[in-house]
Amino acid sequence: MAAVTTALYVVVIEVEPGAEAAWNHWHEDTHVPEVLREPGFLGCRKWKDTERAPDGWARYVCHFELAGEADFARYTTSDAAKHLRAESLARFGTVTRYARQVLTEVKRF
């Protein structure tokens, strides 16, 4: 039986400068808490890049920790994930750009 390893869902978000304050308010007060209520999510750390994107947009990186890769797979097909992505697109789709990846832990040092 394979060991269950922690998974890290990494979301990089670039935000147009004029929308940054409104996006941060919604992201921190609404979006992230809703994601963290989903089964398997253990926590989130949000970072801001010290450099802006080449076109001046702010760049944020969110690290969502999950109990395992199976929890992420379950989340991506859930109604909640579909709703959260649709809401994000409806509210900030023209002023944000997203890149996503999932990492599995190999070793801790």
PDB file of N, CA and C in Angstrom:
ATOM      1  N   MET A   1       0.846  -1.186   0.000  1.00  0.00           N
ATOM      2  CA  MET A   1       0.000   0.000   0.000  1.00  0.00           C
ATOM      3  C   MET A   1       0.890   1.248   0.000  1.00  0.00           C
ATOM      4  N   ALA A   2       0.624   2.175  -0.905  1.00  0.00           N
ATOM      5  CA  ALA A   2       1.409   3.404  -1.018  1.00  0.00           C
ATOM      6  C   ALA A   2       1.066   4.353   0.124  1.00  0.00           C
ATOM      7  N   ALA A   3       2.084   5.059   0.578  1.00  0.00           N
ATOM      8  CA  ALA A   3       1.879   6.040   1.637  1.00  0.00           C
ATOM      9  C   ALA A   3       1.131   7.243   1.081  1.00  0.00           C
ATOM     10  N   VAL A   4       0.254   7.804   1.886  1.00  0.00           N
ATOM     11  CA  VAL A   4      -0.461   9.014   1.500  1.00  0.00           C
ATOM     12  C   VAL A   4       0.456  10.196   1.785  1.00  0.00           C
ATOM     13  N   THR A   5       0.662  11.034   0.798  1.00  0.00           N
ATOM     14  CA  THR A   5       1.514  12.194   0.989  1.00  0.00           C
ATOM     15  C   THR A   5       0.694  13.462   0.886  1.00  0.00           C
ATOM     16  N   THR A   6       1.159  14.456   1.569  1.00  0.00           N
ATOM     17  CA  THR A   6       0.536  15.762   1.516  1.00  0.00           C
ATOM     18  C   THR A   6       0.627  16.301   0.092  1.00  0.00           C
ATOM     19  N   ALA A   7      -0.383  17.020  -0.335  1.00  0.00           N
ATOM     20  CA  ALA A   7      -0.370  17.661  -1.654  1.00  0.00           C
ATOM     21  C   ALA A   7      -0.427  19.172  -1.471  1.00  0.00           C
ATOM     22  N   LEU A   8       0.195  19.865  -2.387  1.00  0.00           N
ATOM     23  CA  LEU A   8       0.193  21.319  -2.368  1.00  0.00           C
ATOM     24  C   LEU A   8      -0.429  21.809  -3.669  1.00  0.00           C
ATOM     25  N   TYR A   9      -1.531  22.526  -3.541  1.00  0.00           N
ATOM     26  CA  TYR A   9      -2.212  23.118  -4.688  1.00  0.00           C
ATOM     27  C   TYR A   9      -1.711  24.549  -4.774  1.00  0.00           C
ATOM     28  N   VAL A  10      -0.973  24.856  -5.833  1.00  0.00           N
ATOM     29  CA  VAL A  10      -0.347  26.161  -5.998  1.00  0.00           C
ATOM     30  C   VAL A  10      -1.116  26.946  -7.055  1.00  0.00           C
ATOM     31  N   VAL A  11      -1.566  28.126  -6.666  1.00  0.00           N
ATOM     32  CA  VAL A  11      -2.295  28.987  -7.587  1.00  0.00           C
ATOM     33  C   VAL A  11      -1.546  30.315  -7.678  1.00  0.00           C
ATOM     34  N   VAL A  12      -1.135  30.662  -8.887  1.00  0.00           N
ATOM     35  CA  VAL A  12      -0.485  31.947  -9.133  1.00  0.00           C
ATOM     36  C   VAL A  12      -1.531  32.848  -9.772  1.00  0.00           C
ATOM     37  N   ILE A  13      -1.727  34.013  -9.167  1.00  0.00           N
ATOM     38  CA  ILE A  13      -2.746  34.938  -9.643  1.00  0.00           C
ATOM     39  C   ILE A  13      -2.084  36.273  -9.944  1.00  0.00           C
ATOM     40  N   GLU A  14      -2.286  36.761 -11.157  1.00  0.00           N
ATOM     41  CA  GLU A  14      -1.841  38.104 -11.503  1.00  0.00           C
ATOM     42  C   GLU A  14      -3.081  38.991 -11.560  1.00  0.00           C
ATOM     43  N   VAL A  15      -2.961  40.166 -10.937  1.00  0.00           N
ATOM     44  CA  VAL A  15      -4.117  41.055 -10.773  1.00  0.00           C
ATOM     45  C   VAL A  15      -3.781  42.440 -11.328  1.00  0.00           C
ATOM     46  N   GLU A  16      -4.685  42.943 -12.142  1.00  0.00           N
ATOM     47  CA  GLU A  16      -4.538  44.300 -12.682  1.00  0.00           C
ATOM     48  C   GLU A  16      -4.477  45.294 -11.516  1.00  0.00           C
ATOM     49  N   PRO A  17      -3.557  46.253 -11.547  1.00  0.00           N
ATOM     50  CA  PRO A  17      -3.398  47.178 -10.407  1.00  0.00           C
ATOM     51  C   PRO A  17      -4.687  47.859  -9.958  1.00  0.00           C
ATOM     52  N   GLY A  18      -5.542  48.280 -10.858  1.00  0.00           N
ATOM     53  CA  GLY A  18      -6.768  48.981 -10.473  1.00  0.00           C
ATOM     54  C   GLY A  18      -7.777  48.107  -9.757  1.00  0.00           C
ATOM     55  N   ALA A  19      -7.629  46.790  -9.863  1.00  0.00           N
ATOM     56  CA  ALA A  19      -8.571  45.854  -9.236  1.00  0.00           C
ATOM     57  C   ALA A  19      -7.988  45.174  -8.004  1.00  0.00           C
ATOM     58  N   GLU A  20      -6.750  45.470  -7.696  1.00  0.00           N
ATOM     59  CA  GLU A  20      -6.040  44.733  -6.646  1.00  0.00           C
ATOM     60  C   GLU A  20      -6.718  44.820  -5.281  1.00  0.00           C
ATOM     61  N   ALA A  21      -7.117  45.989  -4.836  1.00  0.00           N
ATOM     62  CA  ALA A  21      -7.730  46.138  -3.510  1.00  0.00           C
ATOM     63  C   ALA A  21      -9.049  45.367  -3.418  1.00  0.00           C
ATOM     64  N   ALA A  22      -9.906  45.518  -4.427  1.00  0.00           N
ATOM     65  CA  ALA A  22     -11.198  44.814  -4.412  1.00  0.00           C
ATOM     66  C   ALA A  22     -10.991  43.309  -4.488  1.00  0.00           C
ATOM     67  N   TRP A  23     -10.058  42.883  -5.342  1.00  0.00           N
ATOM     68  CA  TRP A  23      -9.790  41.451  -5.468  1.00  0.00           C
ATOM     69  C   TRP A  23      -9.272  40.879  -4.147  1.00  0.00           C
ATOM     70  N   ASN A  24      -8.316  41.555  -3.508  1.00  0.00           N
ATOM     71  CA  ASN A  24      -7.775  41.078  -2.233  1.00  0.00           C
ATOM     72  C   ASN A  24      -8.862  40.961  -1.178  1.00  0.00           C
ATOM     73  N   HIS A  25      -9.728  41.942  -1.102  1.00  0.00           N
ATOM     74  CA  HIS A  25     -10.820  41.911  -0.121  1.00  0.00           C
ATOM     75  C   HIS A  25     -11.691  40.670  -0.343  1.00  0.00           C
ATOM     76  N   TRP A  26     -12.143  40.470  -1.576  1.00  0.00           N
ATOM     77  CA  TRP A  26     -12.974  39.306  -1.896  1.00  0.00           C
ATOM     78  C   TRP A  26     -12.200  38.008  -1.692  1.00  0.00           C
ATOM     79  N   HIS A  27     -10.971  37.967  -2.146  1.00  0.00           N
ATOM     80  CA  HIS A  27     -10.168  36.746  -2.078  1.00  0.00           C
ATOM     81  C   HIS A  27      -9.955  36.297  -0.638  1.00  0.00           C
ATOM     82  N   GLU A  28      -9.619  37.230   0.234  1.00  0.00           N
ATOM     83  CA  GLU A  28      -9.295  36.885   1.625  1.00  0.00           C
ATOM     84  C   GLU A  28     -10.526  36.710   2.509  1.00  0.00           C
ATOM     85  N   ASP A  29     -11.571  37.482   2.255  1.00  0.00           N
ATOM     86  CA  ASP A  29     -12.752  37.419   3.113  1.00  0.00           C
ATOM     87  C   ASP A  29     -13.800  36.411   2.650  1.00  0.00           C
ATOM     88  N   THR A  30     -13.781  36.062   1.375  1.00  0.00           N
ATOM     89  CA  THR A  30     -14.804  35.177   0.831  1.00  0.00           C
ATOM     90  C   THR A  30     -14.220  33.919   0.196  1.00  0.00           C
ATOM     91  N   HIS A  31     -13.384  34.103  -0.821  1.00  0.00           N
ATOM     92  CA  HIS A  31     -12.945  32.969  -1.635  1.00  0.00           C
ATOM     93  C   HIS A  31     -12.117  31.937  -0.867  1.00  0.00           C
ATOM     94  N   VAL A  32     -11.024  32.374  -0.257  1.00  0.00           N
ATOM     95  CA  VAL A  32     -10.160  31.410   0.447  1.00  0.00           C
ATOM     96  C   VAL A  32     -10.911  30.709   1.578  1.00  0.00           C
ATOM     97  N   PRO A  33     -11.688  31.415   2.411  1.00  0.00           N
ATOM     98  CA  PRO A  33     -12.449  30.688   3.438  1.00  0.00           C
ATOM     99  C   PRO A  33     -13.399  29.639   2.855  1.00  0.00           C
ATOM    100  N   GLU A  34     -14.012  29.927   1.698  1.00  0.00           N
ATOM    101  CA  GLU A  34     -14.890  28.936   1.071  1.00  0.00           C
ATOM    102  C   GLU A  34     -14.097  27.719   0.607  1.00  0.00           C
ATOM    103  N   VAL A  35     -12.938  27.940   0.027  1.00  0.00           N
ATOM    104  CA  VAL A  35     -12.095  26.812  -0.401  1.00  0.00           C
ATOM    105  C   VAL A  35     -11.700  25.974   0.808  1.00  0.00           C
ATOM    106  N   LEU A  36     -11.303  26.620   1.879  1.00  0.00           N
ATOM    107  CA  LEU A  36     -10.820  25.891   3.067  1.00  0.00           C
ATOM    108  C   LEU A  36     -11.916  25.101   3.772  1.00  0.00           C
ATOM    109  N   ARG A  37     -13.162  25.389   3.490  1.00  0.00           N
ATOM    110  CA  ARG A  37     -14.261  24.603   4.057  1.00  0.00           C
ATOM    111  C   ARG A  37     -14.437  23.262   3.341  1.00  0.00           C
ATOM    112  N   GLU A  38     -13.793  23.107   2.190  1.00  0.00           N
ATOM    113  CA  GLU A  38     -13.933  21.865   1.429  1.00  0.00           C
ATOM    114  C   GLU A  38     -13.112  20.744   2.070  1.00  0.00           C
ATOM    115  N   PRO A  39     -13.607  19.505   2.011  1.00  0.00           N
ATOM    116  CA  PRO A  39     -12.906  18.372   2.631  1.00  0.00           C
ATOM    117  C   PRO A  39     -11.491  18.210   2.088  1.00  0.00           C
ATOM    118  N   GLY A  40     -10.569  17.952   3.000  1.00  0.00           N
ATOM    119  CA  GLY A  40      -9.189  17.682   2.624  1.00  0.00           C
ATOM    120  C   GLY A  40      -8.262  18.872   2.689  1.00  0.00           C
ATOM    121  N   PHE A  41      -8.818  20.100   2.671  1.00  0.00           N
ATOM    122  CA  PHE A  41      -7.959  21.284   2.740  1.00  0.00           C
ATOM    123  C   PHE A  41      -7.522  21.517   4.180  1.00  0.00           C
ATOM    124  N   LEU A  42      -6.228  21.712   4.376  1.00  0.00           N
ATOM    125  CA  LEU A  42      -5.667  21.877   5.711  1.00  0.00           C
ATOM    126  C   LEU A  42      -5.316  23.327   6.032  1.00  0.00           C
ATOM    127  N   GLY A  43      -5.050  24.116   5.010  1.00  0.00           N
ATOM    128  CA  GLY A  43      -4.677  25.504   5.249  1.00  0.00           C
ATOM    129  C   GLY A  43      -4.216  26.157   3.967  1.00  0.00           C
ATOM    130  N   CYS A  44      -3.960  27.462   4.067  1.00  0.00           N
ATOM    131  CA  CYS A  44      -3.510  28.225   2.903  1.00  0.00           C
ATOM    132  C   CYS A  44      -2.534  29.293   3.368  1.00  0.00           C
ATOM    133  N   ARG A  45      -1.478  29.471   2.594  1.00  0.00           N
ATOM    134  CA  ARG A  45      -0.563  30.595   2.797  1.00  0.00           C
ATOM    135  C   ARG A  45      -0.579  31.414   1.526  1.00  0.00           C
ATOM    136  N   LYS A  46      -0.774  32.721   1.670  1.00  0.00           N
ATOM    137  CA  LYS A  46      -0.833  33.625   0.519  1.00  0.00           C
ATOM    138  C   LYS A  46       0.413  34.493   0.526  1.00  0.00           C
ATOM    139  N   TRP A  47       1.043  34.573  -0.627  1.00  0.00           N
ATOM    140  CA  TRP A  47       2.284  35.330  -0.785  1.00  0.00           C
ATOM    141  C   TRP A  47       2.086  36.401  -1.861  1.00  0.00           C
ATOM    142  N   LYS A  48       2.825  37.483  -1.736  1.00  0.00           N
ATOM    143  CA  LYS A  48       2.850  38.492  -2.803  1.00  0.00           C
ATOM    144  C   LYS A  48       4.275  38.563  -3.325  1.00  0.00           C
ATOM    145  N   ASP A  49       4.412  38.450  -4.625  1.00  0.00           N
ATOM    146  CA  ASP A  49       5.714  38.528  -5.276  1.00  0.00           C
ATOM    147  C   ASP A  49       6.259  39.942  -5.101  1.00  0.00           C
ATOM    148  N   THR A  50       7.530  40.061  -4.811  1.00  0.00           N
ATOM    149  CA  THR A  50       8.140  41.382  -4.661  1.00  0.00           C
ATOM    150  C   THR A  50       8.338  42.067  -6.009  1.00  0.00           C
ATOM    151  N   GLU A  51       8.235  41.306  -7.083  1.00  0.00           N
ATOM    152  CA  GLU A  51       8.330  41.845  -8.440  1.00  0.00           C
ATOM    153  C   GLU A  51       6.950  41.781  -9.089  1.00  0.00           C
ATOM    154  N   ARG A  52       6.628  42.759  -9.868  1.00  0.00           N
ATOM    155  CA  ARG A  52       5.378  42.734 -10.625  1.00  0.00           C
ATOM    156  C   ARG A  52       5.594  42.000 -11.941  1.00  0.00           C
ATOM    157  N   ALA A  53       4.504  41.578 -12.555  1.00  0.00           N
ATOM    158  CA  ALA A  53       4.573  40.971 -13.880  1.00  0.00           C
ATOM    159  C   ALA A  53       5.104  42.030 -14.855  1.00  0.00           C
ATOM    160  N   PRO A  54       5.620  41.625 -16.012  1.00  0.00           N
ATOM    161  CA  PRO A  54       6.182  42.595 -16.963  1.00  0.00           C
ATOM    162  C   PRO A  54       5.226  43.727 -17.355  1.00  0.00           C
ATOM    163  N   ASP A  55       3.932  43.480 -17.328  1.00  0.00           N
ATOM    164  CA  ASP A  55       2.963  44.531 -17.679  1.00  0.00           C
ATOM    165  C   ASP A  55       2.478  45.328 -16.466  1.00  0.00           C
ATOM    166  N   GLY A  56       3.096  45.108 -15.298  1.00  0.00           N
ATOM    167  CA  GLY A  56       2.768  45.890 -14.108  1.00  0.00           C
ATOM    168  C   GLY A  56       1.731  45.272 -13.193  1.00  0.00           C
ATOM    169  N   TRP A  57       1.143  44.141 -13.600  1.00  0.00           N
ATOM    170  CA  TRP A  57       0.144  43.498 -12.750  1.00  0.00           C
ATOM    171  C   TRP A  57       0.820  42.913 -11.510  1.00  0.00           C
ATOM    172  N   ALA A  58       0.113  42.960 -10.382  1.00  0.00           N
ATOM    173  CA  ALA A  58       0.598  42.361  -9.138  1.00  0.00           C
ATOM    174  C   ALA A  58       0.517  40.846  -9.259  1.00  0.00           C
ATOM    175  N   ARG A  59       1.448  40.160  -8.620  1.00  0.00           N
ATOM    176  CA  ARG A  59       1.460  38.699  -8.678  1.00  0.00           C
ATOM    177  C   ARG A  59       1.382  38.136  -7.252  1.00  0.00           C
ATOM    178  N   TYR A  60       0.391  37.268  -7.044  1.00  0.00           N
ATOM    179  CA  TYR A  60       0.195  36.584  -5.775  1.00  0.00           C
ATOM    180  C   TYR A  60       0.332  35.082  -5.999  1.00  0.00           C
ATOM    181  N   VAL A  61       0.765  34.393  -4.957  1.00  0.00           N
ATOM    182  CA  VAL A  61       0.873  32.938  -5.013  1.00  0.00           C
ATOM    183  C   VAL A  61       0.207  32.383  -3.760  1.00  0.00           C
ATOM    184  N   CYS A  62      -0.746  31.476  -3.961  1.00  0.00           N
ATOM    185  CA  CYS A  62      -1.414  30.813  -2.838  1.00  0.00           C
ATOM    186  C   CYS A  62      -0.990  29.358  -2.796  1.00  0.00           C
ATOM    187  N   HIS A  63      -0.585  28.924  -1.624  1.00  0.00           N
ATOM    188  CA  HIS A  63      -0.244  27.527  -1.377  1.00  0.00           C
ATOM    189  C   HIS A  63      -1.338  26.928  -0.510  1.00  0.00           C
ATOM    190  N   PHE A  64      -2.181  26.110  -1.118  1.00  0.00           N
ATOM    191  CA  PHE A  64      -3.224  25.408  -0.386  1.00  0.00           C
ATOM    192  C   PHE A  64      -2.697  24.023  -0.049  1.00  0.00           C
ATOM    193  N   GLU A  65      -2.627  23.701   1.223  1.00  0.00           N
ATOM    194  CA  GLU A  65      -2.165  22.372   1.622  1.00  0.00           C
ATOM    195  C   GLU A  65      -3.366  21.449   1.764  1.00  0.00           C
ATOM    196  N   LEU A  66      -3.223  20.265   1.185  1.00  0.00           N
ATOM    197  CA  LEU A  66      -4.272  19.244   1.249  1.00  0.00           C
ATOM    198  C   LEU A  66      -3.721  17.998   1.913  1.00  0.00           C
ATOM    199  N   ALA A  67      -4.618  17.224   2.500  1.00  0.00           N
ATOM    200  CA  ALA A  67      -4.219  15.992   3.172  1.00  0.00           C
ATOM    201  C   ALA A  67      -3.594  15.000   2.193  1.00  0.00           C
ATOM    202  N   GLY A  68      -4.028  15.033   0.934  1.00  0.00           N
ATOM    203  CA  GLY A  68      -3.459  14.122  -0.054  1.00  0.00           C
ATOM    204  C   GLY A  68      -3.925  14.455  -1.453  1.00  0.00           C
ATOM    205  N   GLU A  69      -3.284  13.821  -2.428  1.00  0.00           N
ATOM    206  CA  GLU A  69      -3.605  14.059  -3.825  1.00  0.00           C
ATOM    207  C   GLU A  69      -5.047  13.658  -4.154  1.00  0.00           C
ATOM    208  N   ALA A  70      -5.539  12.620  -3.512  1.00  0.00           N
ATOM    209  CA  ALA A  70      -6.920  12.184  -3.742  1.00  0.00           C
ATOM    210  C   ALA A  70      -7.915  13.268  -3.328  1.00  0.00           C
ATOM    211  N   ASP A  71      -7.589  14.021  -2.288  1.00  0.00           N
ATOM    212  CA  ASP A  71      -8.466  15.114  -1.859  1.00  0.00           C
ATOM    213  C   ASP A  71      -8.548  16.190  -2.935  1.00  0.00           C
ATOM    214  N   PHE A  72      -7.421  16.472  -3.587  1.00  0.00           N
ATOM    215  CA  PHE A  72      -7.442  17.454  -4.667  1.00  0.00           C
ATOM    216  C   PHE A  72      -8.264  16.937  -5.845  1.00  0.00           C
ATOM    217  N   ALA A  73      -8.069  15.676  -6.197  1.00  0.00           N
ATOM    218  CA  ALA A  73      -8.820  15.088  -7.312  1.00  0.00           C
ATOM    219  C   ALA A  73     -10.323  15.157  -7.039  1.00  0.00           C
ATOM    220  N   ARG A  74     -10.716  14.885  -5.820  1.00  0.00           N
ATOM    221  CA  ARG A  74     -12.134  14.947  -5.431  1.00  0.00           C
ATOM    222  C   ARG A  74     -12.640  16.390  -5.522  1.00  0.00           C
ATOM    223  N   TYR A  75     -11.831  17.330  -5.063  1.00  0.00           N
ATOM    224  CA  TYR A  75     -12.219  18.739  -5.088  1.00  0.00           C
ATOM    225  C   TYR A  75     -12.426  19.238  -6.518  1.00  0.00           C
ATOM    226  N   THR A  76     -11.510  18.908  -7.428  1.00  0.00           N
ATOM    227  CA  THR A  76     -11.583  19.466  -8.780  1.00  0.00           C
ATOM    228  C   THR A  76     -12.855  19.079  -9.525  1.00  0.00           C
ATOM    229  N   THR A  77     -13.453  17.959  -9.167  1.00  0.00           N
ATOM    230  CA  THR A  77     -14.685  17.531  -9.840  1.00  0.00           C
ATOM    231  C   THR A  77     -15.940  17.894  -9.044  1.00  0.00           C
ATOM    232  N   SER A  78     -15.750  18.565  -7.924  1.00  0.00           N
ATOM    233  CA  SER A  78     -16.895  18.875  -7.059  1.00  0.00           C
ATOM    234  C   SER A  78     -17.691  20.070  -7.576  1.00  0.00           C
ATOM    235  N   ASP A  79     -18.948  20.134  -7.160  1.00  0.00           N
ATOM    236  CA  ASP A  79     -19.795  21.287  -7.485  1.00  0.00           C
ATOM    237  C   ASP A  79     -19.227  22.555  -6.860  1.00  0.00           C
ATOM    238  N   ALA A  80     -18.623  22.420  -5.683  1.00  0.00           N
ATOM    239  CA  ALA A  80     -18.053  23.586  -5.005  1.00  0.00           C
ATOM    240  C   ALA A  80     -16.937  24.197  -5.843  1.00  0.00           C
ATOM    241  N   ALA A  81     -16.048  23.388  -6.386  1.00  0.00           N
ATOM    242  CA  ALA A  81     -14.948  23.901  -7.210  1.00  0.00           C
ATOM    243  C   ALA A  81     -15.487  24.590  -8.449  1.00  0.00           C
ATOM    244  N   LYS A  82     -16.494  23.995  -9.069  1.00  0.00           N
ATOM    245  CA  LYS A  82     -17.099  24.613 -10.260  1.00  0.00           C
ATOM    246  C   LYS A  82     -17.711  25.963  -9.903  1.00  0.00           C
ATOM    247  N   HIS A  83     -18.391  26.030  -8.783  1.00  0.00           N
ATOM    248  CA  HIS A  83     -19.008  27.279  -8.328  1.00  0.00           C
ATOM    249  C   HIS A  83     -17.932  28.333  -8.021  1.00  0.00           C
ATOM    250  N   LEU A  84     -16.880  27.939  -7.309  1.00  0.00           N
ATOM    251  CA  LEU A  84     -15.847  28.894  -6.921  1.00  0.00           C
ATOM    252  C   LEU A  84     -15.129  29.467  -8.139  1.00  0.00           C
ATOM    253  N   ARG A  85     -14.836  28.633  -9.109  1.00  0.00           N
ATOM    254  CA  ARG A  85     -14.167  29.120 -10.320  1.00  0.00           C
ATOM    255  C   ARG A  85     -15.101  30.017 -11.127  1.00  0.00           C
ATOM    256  N   ALA A  86     -16.372  29.664 -11.210  1.00  0.00           N
ATOM    257  CA  ALA A  86     -17.333  30.487 -11.946  1.00  0.00           C
ATOM    258  C   ALA A  86     -17.503  31.851 -11.281  1.00  0.00           C
ATOM    259  N   GLU A  87     -17.554  31.860  -9.952  1.00  0.00           N
ATOM    260  CA  GLU A  87     -17.691  33.122  -9.224  1.00  0.00           C
ATOM    261  C   GLU A  87     -16.469  34.005  -9.445  1.00  0.00           C
ATOM    262  N   SER A  88     -15.283  33.409  -9.389  1.00  0.00           N
ATOM    263  CA  SER A  88     -14.054  34.157  -9.618  1.00  0.00           C
ATOM    264  C   SER A  88     -14.039  34.760 -11.014  1.00  0.00           C
ATOM    265  N   LEU A  89     -14.427  33.967 -11.989  1.00  0.00           N
ATOM    266  CA  LEU A  89     -14.470  34.442 -13.373  1.00  0.00           C
ATOM    267  C   LEU A  89     -15.495  35.566 -13.537  1.00  0.00           C
ATOM    268  N   ALA A  90     -16.659  35.412 -12.935  1.00  0.00           N
ATOM    269  CA  ALA A  90     -17.709  36.424 -13.052  1.00  0.00           C
ATOM    270  C   ALA A  90     -17.304  37.747 -12.397  1.00  0.00           C
ATOM    271  N   ARG A  91     -16.657  37.674 -11.258  1.00  0.00           N
ATOM    272  CA  ARG A  91     -16.291  38.889 -10.524  1.00  0.00           C
ATOM    273  C   ARG A  91     -15.034  39.561 -11.058  1.00  0.00           C
ATOM    274  N   PHE A  92     -14.002  38.730 -11.370  1.00  0.00           N
ATOM    275  CA  PHE A  92     -12.689  39.299 -11.671  1.00  0.00           C
ATOM    276  C   PHE A  92     -12.033  38.701 -12.916  1.00  0.00           C
ATOM    277  N   GLY A  93     -12.826  38.093 -13.771  1.00  0.00           N
ATOM    278  CA  GLY A  93     -12.272  37.396 -14.933  1.00  0.00           C
ATOM    279  C   GLY A  93     -11.498  38.266 -15.899  1.00  0.00           C
ATOM    280  N   THR A  94     -11.849  39.535 -16.010  1.00  0.00           N
ATOM    281  CA  THR A  94     -11.158  40.409 -16.956  1.00  0.00           C
ATOM    282  C   THR A  94      -9.942  41.103 -16.354  1.00  0.00           C
ATOM    283  N   VAL A  95      -9.767  40.981 -15.042  1.00  0.00           N
ATOM    284  CA  VAL A  95      -8.656  41.686 -14.385  1.00  0.00           C
ATOM    285  C   VAL A  95      -7.744  40.737 -13.605  1.00  0.00           C
ATOM    286  N   THR A  96      -7.859  39.443 -13.862  1.00  0.00           N
ATOM    287  CA  THR A  96      -6.983  38.456 -13.227  1.00  0.00           C
ATOM    288  C   THR A  96      -6.548  37.414 -14.247  1.00  0.00           C
ATOM    289  N   ARG A  97      -5.385  36.827 -13.982  1.00  0.00           N
ATOM    290  CA  ARG A  97      -4.882  35.693 -14.767  1.00  0.00           C
ATOM    291  C   ARG A  97      -4.419  34.642 -13.763  1.00  0.00           C
ATOM    292  N   TYR A  98      -4.742  33.387 -14.045  1.00  0.00           N
ATOM    293  CA  TYR A  98      -4.434  32.304 -13.119  1.00  0.00           C
ATOM    294  C   TYR A  98      -3.563  31.236 -13.775  1.00  0.00           C
ATOM    295  N   ALA A  99      -2.684  30.649 -12.986  1.00  0.00           N
ATOM    296  CA  ALA A  99      -1.954  29.435 -13.361  1.00  0.00           C
ATOM    297  C   ALA A  99      -2.033  28.515 -12.145  1.00  0.00           C
ATOM    298  N   ARG A 100      -2.279  27.238 -12.389  1.00  0.00           N
ATOM    299  CA  ARG A 100      -2.454  26.296 -11.275  1.00  0.00           C
ATOM    300  C   ARG A 100      -1.589  25.066 -11.487  1.00  0.00           C
ATOM    301  N   GLN A 101      -1.148  24.491 -10.370  1.00  0.00           N
ATOM    302  CA  GLN A 101      -0.454  23.214 -10.420  1.00  0.00           C
ATOM    303  C   GLN A 101      -0.628  22.504  -9.082  1.00  0.00           C
ATOM    304  N   VAL A 102      -0.439  21.198  -9.094  1.00  0.00           N
ATOM    305  CA  VAL A 102      -0.509  20.405  -7.878  1.00  0.00           C
ATOM    306  C   VAL A 102       0.826  19.702  -7.703  1.00  0.00           C
ATOM    307  N   LEU A 103       1.366  19.830  -6.501  1.00  0.00           N
ATOM    308  CA  LEU A 103       2.648  19.209  -6.177  1.00  0.00           C
ATOM    309  C   LEU A 103       2.414  18.174  -5.085  1.00  0.00           C
ATOM    310  N   THR A 104       3.130  17.065  -5.168  1.00  0.00           N
ATOM    311  CA  THR A 104       3.085  16.086  -4.087  1.00  0.00           C
ATOM    312  C   THR A 104       4.424  16.063  -3.394  1.00  0.00           C
ATOM    313  N   GLU A 105       4.381  15.892  -2.104  1.00  0.00           N
ATOM    314  CA  GLU A 105       5.599  15.914  -1.303  1.00  0.00           C
ATOM    315  C   GLU A 105       6.460  14.691  -1.597  1.00  0.00           C
ATOM    316  N   VAL A 106       7.735  14.939  -1.787  1.00  0.00           N
ATOM    317  CA  VAL A 106       8.689  13.866  -2.019  1.00  0.00           C
ATOM    318  C   VAL A 106       9.472  13.572  -0.736  1.00  0.00           C
ATOM    319  N   LYS A 107       9.900  14.633  -0.077  1.00  0.00           N
ATOM    320  CA  LYS A 107      10.715  14.452   1.134  1.00  0.00           C
ATOM    321  C   LYS A 107      10.771  15.758   1.912  1.00  0.00           C
ATOM    322  N   ARG A 108      10.840  15.626   3.215  1.00  0.00           N
ATOM    323  CA  ARG A 108      11.050  16.800   4.084  1.00  0.00           C
ATOM    324  C   ARG A 108      12.457  16.741   4.630  1.00  0.00           C
ATOM    325  N   PHE A 109      13.066  17.906   4.757  1.00  0.00           N
ATOM    326  CA  PHE A 109      14.426  17.992   5.298  1.00  0.00           C
ATOM    327  C   PHE A 109      14.434  18.866   6.520  1.00  0.00           C
TER     328      PHE A 109
END
